[in-house]
């Protein structure tokens, strides 16, 4: 039968090898810190804000207003939500760029 693998010894041997070489030890320390680091407070706060949602419904509006809004949206190259945020930003509302608000990218 071949030798058995002792999982508890593997980490001990790895630590011994790393401690013997200060450059490798430093790289490992940096990697461990990076792996244990927490997300930035901005990202965490933004995620919390994005999860807190409410239903926003304007209701029925005259067709000519809707048609003009649709025309502006298509000319802008944005979707309706992006364009709505764009209009709010123009009035001074503090809304992050749409790319940052996309939950798939956070």
N, C-alpha and C. Protein backbone atom coordinates (compact mmCIF):
# COMPACT_ATOMS: atom_id res chain seq x y z
N UNK A 1 0.86 -1.17 0.00
CA UNK A 1 0.00 0.00 0.00
C UNK A 1 0.90 1.23 0.00
N UNK A 2 0.50 2.24 -0.76
CA UNK A 2 1.29 3.46 -0.83
C UNK A 2 1.07 4.28 0.44
N UNK A 3 1.89 5.33 0.61
CA UNK A 3 1.81 6.16 1.79
C UNK A 3 0.46 6.86 1.93
N UNK A 4 0.07 7.12 3.13
CA UNK A 4 -1.21 7.78 3.36
C UNK A 4 -1.00 9.28 3.41
N UNK A 5 -2.01 10.00 3.03
CA UNK A 5 -1.97 11.46 3.01
C UNK A 5 -2.42 11.97 4.38
N UNK A 6 -1.58 12.74 4.99
CA UNK A 6 -1.91 13.30 6.31
C UNK A 6 -2.23 14.77 6.11
N UNK A 7 -3.53 15.11 6.10
CA UNK A 7 -3.95 16.48 5.81
C UNK A 7 -3.45 17.47 6.86
N UNK A 8 -3.33 17.04 8.10
CA UNK A 8 -2.88 17.97 9.14
C UNK A 8 -1.41 18.33 8.94
N UNK A 9 -0.62 17.43 8.37
CA UNK A 9 0.80 17.70 8.14
C UNK A 9 1.02 18.61 6.94
N UNK A 10 0.11 18.61 5.99
CA UNK A 10 0.28 19.41 4.78
C UNK A 10 0.38 20.89 5.13
N UNK A 11 -0.52 21.38 5.95
CA UNK A 11 -0.48 22.80 6.33
C UNK A 11 0.78 23.12 7.13
N UNK A 12 1.18 22.22 7.99
CA UNK A 12 2.40 22.44 8.77
C UNK A 12 3.61 22.52 7.87
N UNK A 13 3.71 21.63 6.90
CA UNK A 13 4.83 21.65 5.96
C UNK A 13 4.80 22.91 5.10
N UNK A 14 3.61 23.32 4.68
CA UNK A 14 3.49 24.53 3.87
C UNK A 14 3.96 25.75 4.67
N UNK A 15 3.53 25.85 5.92
CA UNK A 15 3.96 26.98 6.75
C UNK A 15 5.47 26.99 6.95
N UNK A 16 6.06 25.81 7.15
CA UNK A 16 7.51 25.72 7.34
C UNK A 16 8.24 26.19 6.09
N UNK A 17 7.78 25.75 4.92
CA UNK A 17 8.42 26.16 3.66
C UNK A 17 8.27 27.66 3.44
N UNK A 18 7.10 28.18 3.74
CA UNK A 18 6.85 29.62 3.52
C UNK A 18 7.68 30.46 4.47
N UNK A 19 7.77 30.05 5.73
CA UNK A 19 8.54 30.82 6.70
C UNK A 19 10.02 30.83 6.34
N UNK A 20 10.48 29.81 5.66
CA UNK A 20 11.87 29.76 5.25
C UNK A 20 12.20 30.75 4.15
N UNK A 21 11.23 31.22 3.46
CA UNK A 21 11.45 32.15 2.35
C UNK A 21 10.60 33.39 2.61
N UNK A 22 11.23 34.49 3.02
CA UNK A 22 10.49 35.67 3.46
C UNK A 22 9.64 36.29 2.35
N UNK A 23 10.12 36.22 1.10
CA UNK A 23 9.34 36.80 0.00
C UNK A 23 8.04 36.04 -0.18
N UNK A 24 8.12 34.72 -0.15
CA UNK A 24 6.91 33.91 -0.30
C UNK A 24 5.99 34.11 0.90
N UNK A 25 6.56 34.27 2.08
CA UNK A 25 5.77 34.50 3.28
C UNK A 25 5.00 35.81 3.16
N UNK A 26 5.67 36.84 2.66
CA UNK A 26 5.03 38.15 2.50
C UNK A 26 3.88 38.07 1.49
N UNK A 27 4.11 37.37 0.38
CA UNK A 27 3.05 37.22 -0.62
C UNK A 27 1.85 36.48 -0.04
N UNK A 28 2.13 35.47 0.75
CA UNK A 28 1.03 34.72 1.35
C UNK A 28 0.27 35.59 2.34
N UNK A 29 1.01 36.38 3.13
CA UNK A 29 0.36 37.27 4.10
C UNK A 29 -0.55 38.27 3.38
N UNK A 30 -0.06 38.83 2.29
CA UNK A 30 -0.86 39.80 1.53
C UNK A 30 -2.10 39.12 0.95
N UNK A 31 -1.91 37.91 0.43
CA UNK A 31 -3.04 37.17 -0.15
C UNK A 31 -4.09 36.86 0.92
N UNK A 32 -3.65 36.49 2.12
CA UNK A 32 -4.59 36.20 3.20
C UNK A 32 -5.34 37.45 3.63
N UNK A 33 -4.63 38.58 3.70
CA UNK A 33 -5.30 39.84 4.06
C UNK A 33 -6.32 40.22 3.00
N UNK A 34 -5.94 40.05 1.74
CA UNK A 34 -6.84 40.38 0.65
C UNK A 34 -8.08 39.50 0.71
N UNK A 35 -7.88 38.22 0.95
CA UNK A 35 -9.00 37.29 1.02
C UNK A 35 -9.92 37.56 2.20
N UNK A 36 -9.36 38.08 3.28
CA UNK A 36 -10.15 38.35 4.47
C UNK A 36 -10.72 39.77 4.47
N UNK A 37 -10.35 40.56 3.49
CA UNK A 37 -10.79 41.95 3.49
C UNK A 37 -12.29 42.02 3.27
N UNK A 38 -12.87 43.06 3.81
CA UNK A 38 -14.30 43.27 3.69
C UNK A 38 -14.56 44.21 2.52
N UNK A 39 -15.75 44.16 1.94
CA UNK A 39 -16.05 45.09 0.86
C UNK A 39 -16.03 46.53 1.37
N UNK A 40 -15.82 47.44 0.46
CA UNK A 40 -15.74 48.84 0.85
C UNK A 40 -17.07 49.29 1.46
N UNK A 41 -17.03 50.23 2.39
CA UNK A 41 -18.27 50.72 3.00
C UNK A 41 -19.24 51.28 1.96
N UNK A 42 -18.69 51.92 0.90
CA UNK A 42 -19.55 52.48 -0.14
C UNK A 42 -20.34 51.38 -0.82
N UNK A 43 -19.66 50.29 -1.21
CA UNK A 43 -20.33 49.20 -1.89
C UNK A 43 -21.36 48.56 -0.98
N UNK A 44 -21.02 48.35 0.28
CA UNK A 44 -21.94 47.74 1.22
C UNK A 44 -23.17 48.62 1.42
N UNK A 45 -22.94 49.92 1.58
CA UNK A 45 -24.04 50.86 1.77
C UNK A 45 -24.92 50.92 0.53
N UNK A 46 -24.29 50.94 -0.65
CA UNK A 46 -25.05 50.98 -1.89
C UNK A 46 -25.88 49.72 -2.05
N UNK A 47 -25.32 48.57 -1.74
CA UNK A 47 -26.09 47.32 -1.83
C UNK A 47 -27.31 47.36 -0.92
N UNK A 48 -27.12 47.88 0.29
CA UNK A 48 -28.25 47.97 1.22
C UNK A 48 -29.32 48.90 0.67
N UNK A 49 -28.90 50.02 0.10
CA UNK A 49 -29.87 50.95 -0.48
C UNK A 49 -30.60 50.33 -1.66
N UNK A 50 -29.88 49.57 -2.48
CA UNK A 50 -30.50 48.97 -3.66
C UNK A 50 -31.48 47.87 -3.30
N UNK A 51 -31.28 47.19 -2.16
CA UNK A 51 -32.19 46.13 -1.73
C UNK A 51 -33.50 46.69 -1.18
N UNK A 52 -33.47 47.90 -0.65
CA UNK A 52 -34.67 48.51 -0.07
C UNK A 52 -35.47 49.15 -1.21
N UNK A 53 -36.47 48.43 -1.73
CA UNK A 53 -37.21 48.89 -2.90
C UNK A 53 -38.66 49.18 -2.56
N UNK A 54 -39.24 50.06 -3.35
CA UNK A 54 -40.66 50.38 -3.25
C UNK A 54 -41.26 50.35 -4.65
N UNK A 55 -42.55 50.14 -4.73
CA UNK A 55 -43.23 50.18 -6.01
C UNK A 55 -43.42 51.64 -6.40
N UNK A 56 -43.05 51.98 -7.61
CA UNK A 56 -43.19 53.35 -8.11
C UNK A 56 -44.05 53.30 -9.35
N UNK A 57 -45.24 53.86 -9.24
CA UNK A 57 -46.17 53.82 -10.34
C UNK A 57 -46.80 55.19 -10.50
N UNK A 58 -46.63 55.78 -11.64
CA UNK A 58 -47.18 57.11 -11.88
C UNK A 58 -48.67 57.04 -12.16
N UNK A 59 -49.11 55.98 -12.72
CA UNK A 59 -50.52 55.87 -13.09
C UNK A 59 -50.70 56.25 -14.54
N UNK A 60 -51.93 56.50 -14.89
CA UNK A 60 -52.23 56.81 -16.29
C UNK A 60 -51.87 58.27 -16.58
N UNK A 61 -51.23 58.43 -17.73
CA UNK A 61 -50.86 59.77 -18.19
C UNK A 61 -51.34 59.91 -19.64
N UNK A 62 -51.50 61.13 -20.10
CA UNK A 62 -51.94 61.30 -21.50
C UNK A 62 -50.95 60.66 -22.48
N UNK A 63 -51.49 60.07 -23.54
CA UNK A 63 -50.68 59.34 -24.51
C UNK A 63 -49.60 60.22 -25.13
N UNK A 64 -49.91 61.49 -25.42
CA UNK A 64 -48.90 62.33 -26.07
C UNK A 64 -47.69 62.55 -25.18
N UNK A 65 -47.89 62.59 -23.87
CA UNK A 65 -46.75 62.73 -22.94
C UNK A 65 -45.94 61.44 -22.94
N UNK A 66 -46.63 60.32 -22.89
CA UNK A 66 -45.95 59.02 -22.92
C UNK A 66 -45.17 58.86 -24.22
N UNK A 67 -45.78 59.23 -25.34
CA UNK A 67 -45.11 59.10 -26.63
C UNK A 67 -43.86 59.97 -26.69
N UNK A 68 -43.94 61.20 -26.15
CA UNK A 68 -42.77 62.07 -26.12
C UNK A 68 -41.68 61.51 -25.22
N UNK A 69 -42.09 60.94 -24.09
CA UNK A 69 -41.11 60.32 -23.18
C UNK A 69 -40.42 59.15 -23.88
N UNK A 70 -41.20 58.30 -24.55
CA UNK A 70 -40.64 57.17 -25.29
C UNK A 70 -39.66 57.65 -26.36
N UNK A 71 -39.99 58.73 -27.02
CA UNK A 71 -39.12 59.27 -28.06
C UNK A 71 -37.79 59.74 -27.45
N UNK A 72 -37.87 60.45 -26.32
CA UNK A 72 -36.65 60.91 -25.65
C UNK A 72 -35.80 59.74 -25.17
N UNK A 73 -36.45 58.71 -24.65
CA UNK A 73 -35.74 57.51 -24.18
C UNK A 73 -35.00 56.86 -25.33
N UNK A 74 -35.67 56.68 -26.46
CA UNK A 74 -35.01 56.01 -27.59
C UNK A 74 -33.88 56.86 -28.16
N UNK A 75 -34.04 58.18 -28.17
CA UNK A 75 -32.97 59.06 -28.65
C UNK A 75 -31.76 59.04 -27.73
N UNK A 76 -32.00 58.83 -26.45
CA UNK A 76 -30.90 58.85 -25.48
C UNK A 76 -30.07 57.58 -25.51
N UNK A 77 -30.66 56.48 -25.99
CA UNK A 77 -29.96 55.20 -25.99
C UNK A 77 -30.01 54.52 -24.63
N UNK A 78 -30.83 55.01 -23.73
CA UNK A 78 -30.97 54.43 -22.39
C UNK A 78 -32.29 53.68 -22.32
N UNK A 79 -32.44 52.87 -21.26
CA UNK A 79 -33.76 52.30 -21.03
C UNK A 79 -34.57 53.30 -20.20
N UNK A 80 -35.84 53.00 -19.97
CA UNK A 80 -36.71 53.97 -19.28
C UNK A 80 -36.21 54.30 -17.89
N UNK A 81 -35.75 53.29 -17.16
CA UNK A 81 -35.28 53.52 -15.80
C UNK A 81 -34.02 54.38 -15.80
N UNK A 82 -33.08 54.04 -16.68
CA UNK A 82 -31.85 54.83 -16.78
C UNK A 82 -32.18 56.28 -17.10
N UNK A 83 -33.10 56.48 -18.04
CA UNK A 83 -33.44 57.85 -18.44
C UNK A 83 -34.12 58.60 -17.29
N UNK A 84 -34.98 57.92 -16.56
CA UNK A 84 -35.62 58.53 -15.40
C UNK A 84 -34.57 58.98 -14.37
N UNK A 85 -33.59 58.11 -14.09
CA UNK A 85 -32.51 58.47 -13.18
C UNK A 85 -31.71 59.65 -13.73
N UNK A 86 -31.50 59.65 -15.04
CA UNK A 86 -30.77 60.74 -15.70
C UNK A 86 -31.50 62.07 -15.45
N UNK A 87 -32.81 62.09 -15.59
CA UNK A 87 -33.59 63.31 -15.36
C UNK A 87 -33.49 63.75 -13.89
N UNK A 88 -33.54 62.81 -12.98
CA UNK A 88 -33.42 63.15 -11.55
C UNK A 88 -32.04 63.72 -11.24
N UNK A 89 -30.99 63.14 -11.83
CA UNK A 89 -29.63 63.66 -11.62
C UNK A 89 -29.51 65.09 -12.12
N UNK A 90 -30.16 65.41 -13.25
CA UNK A 90 -30.12 66.77 -13.77
C UNK A 90 -30.73 67.77 -12.80
N UNK A 91 -31.67 67.31 -11.99
CA UNK A 91 -32.31 68.18 -10.99
C UNK A 91 -31.57 68.16 -9.65
N UNK A 92 -30.42 67.48 -9.60
CA UNK A 92 -29.58 67.53 -8.40
C UNK A 92 -29.72 66.37 -7.43
N UNK A 93 -30.50 65.36 -7.78
CA UNK A 93 -30.65 64.20 -6.90
C UNK A 93 -29.36 63.38 -6.96
N UNK A 94 -28.87 62.96 -5.79
CA UNK A 94 -27.61 62.22 -5.71
C UNK A 94 -27.87 60.74 -5.98
N UNK A 95 -27.75 60.36 -7.24
CA UNK A 95 -27.93 58.97 -7.66
C UNK A 95 -26.64 58.53 -8.34
N UNK A 96 -26.06 57.40 -7.90
CA UNK A 96 -24.82 56.92 -8.52
C UNK A 96 -25.05 56.57 -9.99
N UNK A 97 -23.98 56.46 -10.77
CA UNK A 97 -24.13 56.05 -12.17
C UNK A 97 -24.86 54.71 -12.27
N UNK A 98 -25.60 54.56 -13.34
CA UNK A 98 -26.43 53.36 -13.51
C UNK A 98 -25.60 52.08 -13.46
N UNK A 99 -24.37 52.14 -14.00
CA UNK A 99 -23.52 50.94 -13.99
C UNK A 99 -23.24 50.46 -12.58
N UNK A 100 -23.11 51.40 -11.62
CA UNK A 100 -22.84 51.02 -10.23
C UNK A 100 -24.08 50.45 -9.56
N UNK A 101 -25.24 50.80 -10.08
CA UNK A 101 -26.49 50.35 -9.46
C UNK A 101 -26.93 48.99 -9.98
N UNK A 102 -26.31 48.51 -11.03
CA UNK A 102 -26.64 47.20 -11.58
C UNK A 102 -26.15 46.13 -10.59
N UNK A 103 -27.08 45.44 -9.97
CA UNK A 103 -26.74 44.47 -8.93
C UNK A 103 -25.82 43.36 -9.39
N UNK A 104 -25.80 43.08 -10.67
CA UNK A 104 -24.94 42.00 -11.18
C UNK A 104 -23.48 42.41 -11.17
N UNK A 105 -23.20 43.72 -11.13
CA UNK A 105 -21.83 44.18 -11.23
C UNK A 105 -21.24 44.52 -9.87
N UNK A 106 -22.05 44.43 -8.82
CA UNK A 106 -21.52 44.75 -7.48
C UNK A 106 -20.97 43.53 -6.80
